[in-house]
C-alpha atoms as a PDB file:
ATOM      1  CA  MET A   1      38.712  -1.935 -26.908  1.00  0.00           C
ATOM      2  CA  SER A   2      37.894  -5.626 -26.731  1.00  0.00           C
ATOM      3  CA  GLU A   3      39.123  -8.150 -29.272  1.00  0.00           C
ATOM      4  CA  ARG A   4      35.571  -8.534 -30.587  1.00  0.00           C
ATOM      5  CA  ASP A   5      35.188  -4.755 -31.044  1.00  0.00           C
ATOM      6  CA  ASN A   6      38.526  -4.597 -32.828  1.00  0.00           C
ATOM      7  CA  TYR A   7      37.438  -7.420 -35.157  1.00  0.00           C
ATOM      8  CA  ARG A   8      34.191  -5.602 -35.970  1.00  0.00           C
ATOM      9  CA  ARG A   9      36.114  -2.376 -36.575  1.00  0.00           C
ATOM     10  CA  ILE A  10      38.343  -4.112 -39.124  1.00  0.00           C
ATOM     11  CA  PHE A  11      35.883  -6.503 -40.802  1.00  0.00           C
ATOM     12  CA  GLY A  12      32.484  -5.001 -39.999  1.00  0.00           C
ATOM     13  CA  SER A  13      29.728  -7.459 -39.193  1.00  0.00           C
ATOM     14  CA  HIS A  14      30.846  -9.866 -41.937  1.00  0.00           C
ATOM     15  CA  PRO A  15      33.677 -12.372 -41.607  1.00  0.00           C
ATOM     16  CA  PRO A  16      36.579 -12.076 -44.080  1.00  0.00           C
ATOM     17  CA  LEU A  17      36.289 -13.932 -47.377  1.00  0.00           C
ATOM     18  CA  THR A  18      37.783 -17.379 -47.681  1.00  0.00           C
ATOM     19  CA  LEU A  19      38.607 -18.509 -51.197  1.00  0.00           C
ATOM     20  CA  HIS A  20      38.939 -22.130 -52.209  1.00  0.00           C
ATOM     21  CA  ILE A  21      40.543 -22.553 -55.598  1.00  0.00           C
ATOM     22  CA  LYS A  22      40.161 -25.873 -57.356  1.00  0.00           C
ATOM     23  CA  ARG A  23      42.256 -26.867 -60.335  1.00  0.00           C
ATOM     24  CA  LYS A  24      40.159 -27.489 -63.452  1.00  0.00           C
ATOM     25  CA  VAL A  25      42.503 -29.982 -65.065  1.00  0.00           C
ATOM     26  CA  GLU A  26      44.238 -32.626 -63.033  1.00  0.00           C
ATOM     27  CA  CYS A  27      47.903 -33.095 -63.846  1.00  0.00           C
ATOM     28  CA  GLU A  28      50.156 -35.997 -62.975  1.00  0.00           C
ATOM     29  CA  HIS A  29      52.702 -33.628 -61.485  1.00  0.00           C
ATOM     30  CA  ASP A  30      56.396 -34.056 -62.162  1.00  0.00           C
ATOM     31  CA  PHE A  31      58.173 -31.661 -59.786  1.00  0.00           C
ATOM     32  CA  GLN A  32      61.539 -31.760 -61.569  1.00  0.00           C
ATOM     33  CA  GLY A  33      61.640 -28.095 -62.656  1.00  0.00           C
ATOM     34  CA  TRP A  34      63.018 -25.151 -60.662  1.00  0.00           C
ATOM     35  CA  ARG A  35      61.898 -21.513 -60.479  1.00  0.00           C
ATOM     36  CA  GLU A  36      63.841 -18.692 -58.792  1.00  0.00           C
ATOM     37  CA  PHE A  37      61.820 -16.170 -56.781  1.00  0.00           C
ATOM     38  CA  ASP A  38      61.782 -12.604 -58.125  1.00  0.00           C
ATOM     39  CA  ASP A  39      63.106 -11.196 -54.845  1.00  0.00           C
ATOM     40  CA  GLY A  40      66.295 -13.264 -55.115  1.00  0.00           C
ATOM     41  CA  ARG A  41      65.642 -15.236 -51.922  1.00  0.00           C
ATOM     42  CA  GLY A  42      65.688 -18.769 -53.281  1.00  0.00           C
ATOM     43  CA  GLY A  43      63.176 -20.671 -55.345  1.00  0.00           C
ATOM     44  CA  GLU A  44      60.947 -23.729 -55.502  1.00  0.00           C
ATOM     45  CA  ARG A  45      60.433 -26.894 -57.449  1.00  0.00           C
ATOM     46  CA  VAL A  46      57.766 -26.641 -60.166  1.00  0.00           C
ATOM     47  CA  CYS A  47      55.847 -29.166 -62.228  1.00  0.00           C
ATOM     48  CA  THR A  48      57.416 -29.492 -65.662  1.00  0.00           C
ATOM     49  CA  LYS A  49      53.986 -30.247 -67.160  1.00  0.00           C
ATOM     50  CA  CYS A  50      51.729 -27.484 -65.776  1.00  0.00           C
ATOM     51  CA  GLY A  51      54.069 -25.057 -63.971  1.00  0.00           C
ATOM     52  CA  LEU A  52      52.411 -25.431 -60.548  1.00  0.00           C
ATOM     53  CA  GLY A  53      54.783 -24.747 -57.670  1.00  0.00           C
ATOM     54  CA  ALA A  54      55.394 -27.556 -55.193  1.00  0.00           C
ATOM     55  CA  MET A  55      54.609 -25.287 -52.238  1.00  0.00           C
ATOM     56  CA  ALA A  56      51.228 -24.283 -53.714  1.00  0.00           C
ATOM     57  CA  TYR A  57      50.457 -27.952 -54.370  1.00  0.00           C
ATOM     58  CA  THR A  58      51.341 -28.921 -50.810  1.00  0.00           C
ATOM     59  CA  LEU A  59      49.171 -26.147 -49.369  1.00  0.00           C
ATOM     60  CA  SER A  60      46.230 -27.225 -51.560  1.00  0.00           C
ATOM     61  CA  LEU A  61      46.321 -30.655 -49.892  1.00  0.00           C
ATOM     62  CA  ASP A  62      45.126 -29.009 -46.661  1.00  0.00           C
ATOM     63  CA  ASP A  63      41.685 -28.558 -48.278  1.00  0.00           C
ATOM     64  CA  LEU A  64      41.167 -32.302 -48.752  1.00  0.00           C
ATOM     65  CA  PRO A  65      38.689 -33.982 -46.408  1.00  0.00           C
END
C-alpha cells in the first residue's frame, strides 16, 4: 500500500482538521507561578494573572506571521 493510499485509508478524502485557538483577552503575562503535572513528571511555569502555561504560550507564538 502506498503512502497516499494509507493516508486516504486513515483520513478519507479530507485532510485532518487544524485548529487555531486565539485568546480573547490579552494578558501581560507574568510567568512567576509554577504548576506540577498530574503524572508527577515535572511541571511548568504559569502566568500568575491568567493561568496560561509558558509552554502553551511559546507554542502559540508559532502561529504569528
